[in-house]
Amino acid sequence: MTERHPTQDELYDPLAINRFKVEAAMLELIDQLQRQGLDKLEIALALADAAEDYVMRLASKTPDDLEDDIRPHGYQ
């Protein structure tokens, strides 16, 4: 069996790229909060709680509500 190399299109994974961006922003936020005196565990628990709350809010929305959230203001 010959070794298969991925194509350029296969290397592009928008979910992985988005995850990287979110994680980078989160680590920056954690660093800022630590410099303000918050404890790592305190920050981790607060982030987990906030993420859970956000997911629950998204889950309670209708597809139309979600569309409204992503549409730029002023566009119909």
PDB file of N, CA and C in Angstrom:
ATOM      1  N   MET A   1       0.846  -1.173   0.000  1.00  0.00           N
ATOM      2  CA  MET A   1       0.000   0.000   0.000  1.00  0.00           C
ATOM      3  C   MET A   1       0.896   1.242   0.000  1.00  0.00           C
ATOM      4  N   THR A   2       0.582   2.206  -0.839  1.00  0.00           N
ATOM      5  CA  THR A   2       1.377   3.418  -0.904  1.00  0.00           C
ATOM      6  C   THR A   2       0.859   4.448   0.086  1.00  0.00           C
ATOM      7  N   GLU A   3       1.780   5.285   0.507  1.00  0.00           N
ATOM      8  CA  GLU A   3       1.421   6.344   1.452  1.00  0.00           C
ATOM      9  C   GLU A   3       0.591   7.395   0.728  1.00  0.00           C
ATOM     10  N   ARG A   4      -0.499   7.798   1.337  1.00  0.00           N
ATOM     11  CA  ARG A   4      -1.391   8.800   0.742  1.00  0.00           C
ATOM     12  C   ARG A   4      -1.165  10.132   1.443  1.00  0.00           C
ATOM     13  N   HIS A   5      -0.953  11.171   0.681  1.00  0.00           N
ATOM     14  CA  HIS A   5      -0.753  12.510   1.224  1.00  0.00           C
ATOM     15  C   HIS A   5      -2.032  13.314   1.053  1.00  0.00           C
ATOM     16  N   PRO A   6      -2.454  14.041   2.091  1.00  0.00           N
ATOM     17  CA  PRO A   6      -3.689  14.834   1.967  1.00  0.00           C
ATOM     18  C   PRO A   6      -3.503  15.984   0.987  1.00  0.00           C
ATOM     19  N   THR A   7      -4.590  16.338   0.326  1.00  0.00           N
ATOM     20  CA  THR A   7      -4.569  17.484  -0.569  1.00  0.00           C
ATOM     21  C   THR A   7      -4.721  18.761   0.253  1.00  0.00           C
ATOM     22  N   GLN A   8      -4.528  19.907  -0.382  1.00  0.00           N
ATOM     23  CA  GLN A   8      -4.694  21.188   0.302  1.00  0.00           C
ATOM     24  C   GLN A   8      -6.109  21.324   0.861  1.00  0.00           C
ATOM     25  N   ASP A   9      -7.120  20.884   0.088  1.00  0.00           N
ATOM     26  CA  ASP A   9      -8.505  20.989   0.549  1.00  0.00           C
ATOM     27  C   ASP A   9      -8.747  20.142   1.789  1.00  0.00           C
ATOM     28  N   GLU A  10      -8.119  18.999   1.880  1.00  0.00           N
ATOM     29  CA  GLU A  10      -8.297  18.130   3.039  1.00  0.00           C
ATOM     30  C   GLU A  10      -7.636  18.708   4.286  1.00  0.00           C
ATOM     31  N   LEU A  11      -6.630  19.533   4.120  1.00  0.00           N
ATOM     32  CA  LEU A  11      -5.943  20.127   5.264  1.00  0.00           C
ATOM     33  C   LEU A  11      -6.762  21.241   5.903  1.00  0.00           C
ATOM     34  N   TYR A  12      -7.686  21.839   5.154  1.00  0.00           N
ATOM     35  CA  TYR A  12      -8.490  22.940   5.668  1.00  0.00           C
ATOM     36  C   TYR A  12      -9.635  22.382   6.499  1.00  0.00           C
ATOM     37  N   ASP A  13      -9.597  22.649   7.774  1.00  0.00           N
ATOM     38  CA  ASP A  13     -10.643  22.180   8.685  1.00  0.00           C
ATOM     39  C   ASP A  13     -11.149  23.394   9.450  1.00  0.00           C
ATOM     40  N   PRO A  14     -12.265  24.009   8.978  1.00  0.00           N
ATOM     41  CA  PRO A  14     -12.736  25.240   9.635  1.00  0.00           C
ATOM     42  C   PRO A  14     -13.083  25.034  11.104  1.00  0.00           C
ATOM     43  N   LEU A  15     -13.568  23.860  11.479  1.00  0.00           N
ATOM     44  CA  LEU A  15     -13.875  23.628  12.894  1.00  0.00           C
ATOM     45  C   LEU A  15     -12.612  23.667  13.742  1.00  0.00           C
ATOM     46  N   ALA A  16     -11.542  23.076  13.253  1.00  0.00           N
ATOM     47  CA  ALA A  16     -10.279  23.087  13.989  1.00  0.00           C
ATOM     48  C   ALA A  16      -9.715  24.506  14.069  1.00  0.00           C
ATOM     49  N   ILE A  17      -9.832  25.244  12.981  1.00  0.00           N
ATOM     50  CA  ILE A  17      -9.330  26.627  12.968  1.00  0.00           C
ATOM     51  C   ILE A  17     -10.137  27.487  13.945  1.00  0.00           C
ATOM     52  N   ASN A  18     -11.464  27.317  13.930  1.00  0.00           N
ATOM     53  CA  ASN A  18     -12.300  28.077  14.861  1.00  0.00           C
ATOM     54  C   ASN A  18     -11.992  27.695  16.297  1.00  0.00           C
ATOM     55  N   ARG A  19     -11.800  26.414  16.564  1.00  0.00           N
ATOM     56  CA  ARG A  19     -11.461  25.955  17.913  1.00  0.00           C
ATOM     57  C   ARG A  19     -10.151  26.601  18.362  1.00  0.00           C
ATOM     58  N   PHE A  20      -9.173  26.672  17.453  1.00  0.00           N
ATOM     59  CA  PHE A  20      -7.888  27.293  17.770  1.00  0.00           C
ATOM     60  C   PHE A  20      -8.087  28.759  18.143  1.00  0.00           C
ATOM     61  N   LYS A  21      -8.901  29.482  17.380  1.00  0.00           N
ATOM     62  CA  LYS A  21      -9.144  30.899  17.646  1.00  0.00           C
ATOM     63  C   LYS A  21      -9.824  31.095  18.999  1.00  0.00           C
ATOM     64  N   VAL A  22     -10.826  30.264  19.278  1.00  0.00           N
ATOM     65  CA  VAL A  22     -11.546  30.375  20.554  1.00  0.00           C
ATOM     66  C   VAL A  22     -10.621  30.047  21.713  1.00  0.00           C
ATOM     67  N   GLU A  23      -9.836  28.978  21.558  1.00  0.00           N
ATOM     68  CA  GLU A  23      -8.925  28.597  22.635  1.00  0.00           C
ATOM     69  C   GLU A  23      -7.865  29.662  22.874  1.00  0.00           C
ATOM     70  N   ALA A  24      -7.356  30.263  21.811  1.00  0.00           N
ATOM     71  CA  ALA A  24      -6.363  31.329  21.959  1.00  0.00           C
ATOM     72  C   ALA A  24      -6.966  32.521  22.699  1.00  0.00           C
ATOM     73  N   ALA A  25      -8.191  32.899  22.363  1.00  0.00           N
ATOM     74  CA  ALA A  25      -8.862  34.013  23.045  1.00  0.00           C
ATOM     75  C   ALA A  25      -9.112  33.669  24.512  1.00  0.00           C
ATOM     76  N   MET A  26      -9.491  32.418  24.763  1.00  0.00           N
ATOM     77  CA  MET A  26      -9.751  31.991  26.130  1.00  0.00           C
ATOM     78  C   MET A  26      -8.474  32.035  26.964  1.00  0.00           C
ATOM     79  N   LEU A  27      -7.366  31.572  26.407  1.00  0.00           N
ATOM     80  CA  LEU A  27      -6.100  31.595  27.144  1.00  0.00           C
ATOM     81  C   LEU A  27      -5.650  33.023  27.429  1.00  0.00           C
ATOM     82  N   GLU A  28      -5.905  33.919  26.479  1.00  0.00           N
ATOM     83  CA  GLU A  28      -5.579  35.333  26.696  1.00  0.00           C
ATOM     84  C   GLU A  28      -6.437  35.903  27.825  1.00  0.00           C
ATOM     85  N   LEU A  29      -7.714  35.573  27.831  1.00  0.00           N
ATOM     86  CA  LEU A  29      -8.620  36.015  28.893  1.00  0.00           C
ATOM     87  C   LEU A  29      -8.177  35.468  30.250  1.00  0.00           C
ATOM     88  N   ILE A  30      -7.817  34.195  30.290  1.00  0.00           N
ATOM     89  CA  ILE A  30      -7.354  33.583  31.534  1.00  0.00           C
ATOM     90  C   ILE A  30      -6.119  34.307  32.050  1.00  0.00           C
ATOM     91  N   ASP A  31      -5.196  34.601  31.154  1.00  0.00           N
ATOM     92  CA  ASP A  31      -3.980  35.316  31.551  1.00  0.00           C
ATOM     93  C   ASP A  31      -4.312  36.690  32.123  1.00  0.00           C
ATOM     94  N   GLN A  32      -5.226  37.408  31.478  1.00  0.00           N
ATOM     95  CA  GLN A  32      -5.635  38.734  31.973  1.00  0.00           C
ATOM     96  C   GLN A  32      -6.278  38.634  33.352  1.00  0.00           C
ATOM     97  N   LEU A  33      -7.136  37.650  33.541  1.00  0.00           N
ATOM     98  CA  LEU A  33      -7.818  37.481  34.826  1.00  0.00           C
ATOM     99  C   LEU A  33      -6.848  37.077  35.932  1.00  0.00           C
ATOM    100  N   GLN A  34      -5.862  36.252  35.588  1.00  0.00           N
ATOM    101  CA  GLN A  34      -4.854  35.874  36.581  1.00  0.00           C
ATOM    102  C   GLN A  34      -4.040  37.101  37.017  1.00  0.00           C
ATOM    103  N   ARG A  35      -3.735  37.977  36.064  1.00  0.00           N
ATOM    104  CA  ARG A  35      -3.001  39.199  36.404  1.00  0.00           C
ATOM    105  C   ARG A  35      -3.826  40.119  37.302  1.00  0.00           C
ATOM    106  N   GLN A  36      -5.162  39.946  37.275  1.00  0.00           N
ATOM    107  CA  GLN A  36      -6.044  40.718  38.146  1.00  0.00           C
ATOM    108  C   GLN A  36      -6.228  40.047  39.502  1.00  0.00           C
ATOM    109  N   GLY A  37      -5.573  38.886  39.684  1.00  0.00           N
ATOM    110  CA  GLY A  37      -5.609  38.238  40.980  1.00  0.00           C
ATOM    111  C   GLY A  37      -6.542  37.043  41.112  1.00  0.00           C
ATOM    112  N   LEU A  38      -7.234  36.677  40.067  1.00  0.00           N
ATOM    113  CA  LEU A  38      -8.117  35.518  40.155  1.00  0.00           C
ATOM    114  C   LEU A  38      -7.310  34.226  40.092  1.00  0.00           C
ATOM    115  N   ASP A  39      -7.811  33.216  40.774  1.00  0.00           N
ATOM    116  CA  ASP A  39      -7.174  31.909  40.840  1.00  0.00           C
ATOM    117  C   ASP A  39      -7.529  31.090  39.593  1.00  0.00           C
ATOM    118  N   LYS A  40      -6.604  30.213  39.162  1.00  0.00           N
ATOM    119  CA  LYS A  40      -6.842  29.389  37.975  1.00  0.00           C
ATOM    120  C   LYS A  40      -8.105  28.550  38.100  1.00  0.00           C
ATOM    121  N   LEU A  41      -8.314  27.945  39.248  1.00  0.00           N
ATOM    122  CA  LEU A  41      -9.494  27.105  39.435  1.00  0.00           C
ATOM    123  C   LEU A  41     -10.775  27.931  39.393  1.00  0.00           C
ATOM    124  N   GLU A  42     -10.714  29.106  39.986  1.00  0.00           N
ATOM    125  CA  GLU A  42     -11.853  30.026  39.971  1.00  0.00           C
ATOM    126  C   GLU A  42     -12.226  30.388  38.528  1.00  0.00           C
ATOM    127  N   ILE A  43     -11.206  30.690  37.748  1.00  0.00           N
ATOM    128  CA  ILE A  43     -11.413  31.067  36.351  1.00  0.00           C
ATOM    129  C   ILE A  43     -11.981  29.889  35.567  1.00  0.00           C
ATOM    130  N   ALA A  44     -11.407  28.709  35.758  1.00  0.00           N
ATOM    131  CA  ALA A  44     -11.853  27.525  35.019  1.00  0.00           C
ATOM    132  C   ALA A  44     -13.316  27.214  35.309  1.00  0.00           C
ATOM    133  N   LEU A  45     -13.701  27.281  36.584  1.00  0.00           N
ATOM    134  CA  LEU A  45     -15.094  27.002  36.931  1.00  0.00           C
ATOM    135  C   LEU A  45     -16.041  28.057  36.369  1.00  0.00           C
ATOM    136  N   ALA A  46     -15.636  29.319  36.429  1.00  0.00           N
ATOM    137  CA  ALA A  46     -16.473  30.394  35.892  1.00  0.00           C
ATOM    138  C   ALA A  46     -16.635  30.244  34.375  1.00  0.00           C
ATOM    139  N   LEU A  47     -15.556  29.902  33.676  1.00  0.00           N
ATOM    140  CA  LEU A  47     -15.642  29.703  32.229  1.00  0.00           C
ATOM    141  C   LEU A  47     -16.535  28.518  31.886  1.00  0.00           C
ATOM    142  N   ALA A  48     -16.410  27.441  32.641  1.00  0.00           N
ATOM    143  CA  ALA A  48     -17.253  26.258  32.396  1.00  0.00           C
ATOM    144  C   ALA A  48     -18.728  26.588  32.615  1.00  0.00           C
ATOM    145  N   ASP A  49     -19.016  27.300  33.694  1.00  0.00           N
ATOM    146  CA  ASP A  49     -20.406  27.695  33.970  1.00  0.00           C
ATOM    147  C   ASP A  49     -20.947  28.617  32.887  1.00  0.00           C
ATOM    148  N   ALA A  50     -20.139  29.586  32.472  1.00  0.00           N
ATOM    149  CA  ALA A  50     -20.573  30.523  31.442  1.00  0.00           C
ATOM    150  C   ALA A  50     -20.792  29.806  30.110  1.00  0.00           C
ATOM    151  N   ALA A  51     -19.918  28.874  29.778  1.00  0.00           N
ATOM    152  CA  ALA A  51     -20.075  28.120  28.533  1.00  0.00           C
ATOM    153  C   ALA A  51     -21.349  27.285  28.571  1.00  0.00           C
ATOM    154  N   GLU A  52     -21.609  26.650  29.696  1.00  0.00           N
ATOM    155  CA  GLU A  52     -22.830  25.850  29.827  1.00  0.00           C
ATOM    156  C   GLU A  52     -24.075  26.730  29.683  1.00  0.00           C
ATOM    157  N   ASP A  53     -24.074  27.880  30.345  1.00  0.00           N
ATOM    158  CA  ASP A  53     -25.207  28.812  30.231  1.00  0.00           C
ATOM    159  C   ASP A  53     -25.417  29.247  28.784  1.00  0.00           C
ATOM    160  N   TYR A  54     -24.336  29.521  28.085  1.00  0.00           N
ATOM    161  CA  TYR A  54     -24.421  29.968  26.697  1.00  0.00           C
ATOM    162  C   TYR A  54     -25.007  28.870  25.812  1.00  0.00           C
ATOM    163  N   VAL A  55     -24.537  27.642  26.004  1.00  0.00           N
ATOM    164  CA  VAL A  55     -25.063  26.513  25.223  1.00  0.00           C
ATOM    165  C   VAL A  55     -26.543  26.321  25.502  1.00  0.00           C
ATOM    166  N   MET A  56     -26.952  26.453  26.752  1.00  0.00           N
ATOM    167  CA  MET A  56     -28.367  26.296  27.098  1.00  0.00           C
ATOM    168  C   MET A  56     -29.214  27.396  26.453  1.00  0.00           C
ATOM    169  N   ARG A  57     -28.699  28.637  26.427  1.00  0.00           N
ATOM    170  CA  ARG A  57     -29.432  29.721  25.753  1.00  0.00           C
ATOM    171  C   ARG A  57     -29.568  29.435  24.267  1.00  0.00           C
ATOM    172  N   LEU A  58     -28.484  28.955  23.644  1.00  0.00           N
ATOM    173  CA  LEU A  58     -28.547  28.628  22.219  1.00  0.00           C
ATOM    174  C   LEU A  58     -29.532  27.494  21.967  1.00  0.00           C
ATOM    175  N   ALA A  59     -29.545  26.513  22.842  1.00  0.00           N
ATOM    176  CA  ALA A  59     -30.432  25.356  22.666  1.00  0.00           C
ATOM    177  C   ALA A  59     -31.901  25.746  22.772  1.00  0.00           C
ATOM    178  N   SER A  60     -32.189  26.812  23.505  1.00  0.00           N
ATOM    179  CA  SER A  60     -33.582  27.218  23.686  1.00  0.00           C
ATOM    180  C   SER A  60     -34.087  28.116  22.554  1.00  0.00           C
ATOM    181  N   LYS A  61     -33.213  28.500  21.646  1.00  0.00           N
ATOM    182  CA  LYS A  61     -33.610  29.380  20.547  1.00  0.00           C
ATOM    183  C   LYS A  61     -34.144  28.571  19.372  1.00  0.00           C
ATOM    184  N   THR A  62     -34.993  29.231  18.595  1.00  0.00           N
ATOM    185  CA  THR A  62     -35.493  28.619  17.362  1.00  0.00           C
ATOM    186  C   THR A  62     -34.469  28.856  16.254  1.00  0.00           C
ATOM    187  N   PRO A  63     -34.556  28.100  15.167  1.00  0.00           N
ATOM    188  CA  PRO A  63     -33.633  28.342  14.044  1.00  0.00           C
ATOM    189  C   PRO A  63     -33.697  29.784  13.538  1.00  0.00           C
ATOM    190  N   ASP A  64     -34.890  30.390  13.542  1.00  0.00           N
ATOM    191  CA  ASP A  64     -35.008  31.789  13.103  1.00  0.00           C
ATOM    192  C   ASP A  64     -34.264  32.735  14.042  1.00  0.00           C
ATOM    193  N   ASP A  65     -34.347  32.473  15.351  1.00  0.00           N
ATOM    194  CA  ASP A  65     -33.615  33.293  16.319  1.00  0.00           C
ATOM    195  C   ASP A  65     -32.118  33.210  16.069  1.00  0.00           C
ATOM    196  N   LEU A  66     -31.631  32.003  15.771  1.00  0.00           N
ATOM    197  CA  LEU A  66     -30.202  31.821  15.508  1.00  0.00           C
ATOM    198  C   LEU A  66     -29.789  32.559  14.251  1.00  0.00           C
ATOM    199  N   GLU A  67     -30.632  32.529  13.223  1.00  0.00           N
ATOM    200  CA  GLU A  67     -30.354  33.271  11.992  1.00  0.00           C
ATOM    201  C   GLU A  67     -30.234  34.764  12.289  1.00  0.00           C
ATOM    202  N   ASP A  68     -31.127  35.288  13.128  1.00  0.00           N
ATOM    203  CA  ASP A  68     -31.095  36.703  13.489  1.00  0.00           C
ATOM    204  C   ASP A  68     -29.790  37.044  14.206  1.00  0.00           C
ATOM    205  N   ASP A  69     -29.276  36.127  15.003  1.00  0.00           N
ATOM    206  CA  ASP A  69     -28.032  36.360  15.742  1.00  0.00           C
ATOM    207  C   ASP A  69     -26.828  36.496  14.821  1.00  0.00           C
ATOM    208  N   ILE A  70     -26.822  35.779  13.701  1.00  0.00           N
ATOM    209  CA  ILE A  70     -25.643  35.796  12.834  1.00  0.00           C
ATOM    210  C   ILE A  70     -25.764  36.801  11.699  1.00  0.00           C
ATOM    211  N   ARG A  71     -26.940  37.336  11.469  1.00  0.00           N
ATOM    212  CA  ARG A  71     -27.145  38.307  10.405  1.00  0.00           C
ATOM    213  C   ARG A  71     -26.644  39.677  10.869  1.00  0.00           C
ATOM    214  N   PRO A  72     -25.812  40.361  10.068  1.00  0.00           N
ATOM    215  CA  PRO A  72     -25.341  41.697  10.462  1.00  0.00           C
ATOM    216  C   PRO A  72     -26.524  42.647  10.679  1.00  0.00           C
ATOM    217  N   HIS A  73     -26.396  43.542  11.636  1.00  0.00           N
ATOM    218  CA  HIS A  73     -27.466  44.492  11.918  1.00  0.00           C
ATOM    219  C   HIS A  73     -27.730  45.351  10.694  1.00  0.00           C
ATOM    220  N   GLY A  74     -29.009  45.589  10.431  1.00  0.00           N
ATOM    221  CA  GLY A  74     -29.406  46.403   9.291  1.00  0.00           C
ATOM    222  C   GLY A  74     -29.711  45.589   8.046  1.00  0.00           C
ATOM    223  N   TYR A  75     -29.441  44.274   8.094  1.00  0.00           N
ATOM    224  CA  TYR A  75     -29.737  43.407   6.943  1.00  0.00           C
ATOM    225  C   TYR A  75     -30.963  42.586   7.236  1.00  0.00           C
ATOM    226  N   GLN A  76     -31.787  42.384   6.228  1.00  0.00           N
ATOM    227  CA  GLN A  76     -32.998  41.557   6.350  1.00  0.00           C
ATOM    228  C   GLN A  76     -32.817  40.241   5.677  1.00  0.00           C
TER     229      GLN A  76
END
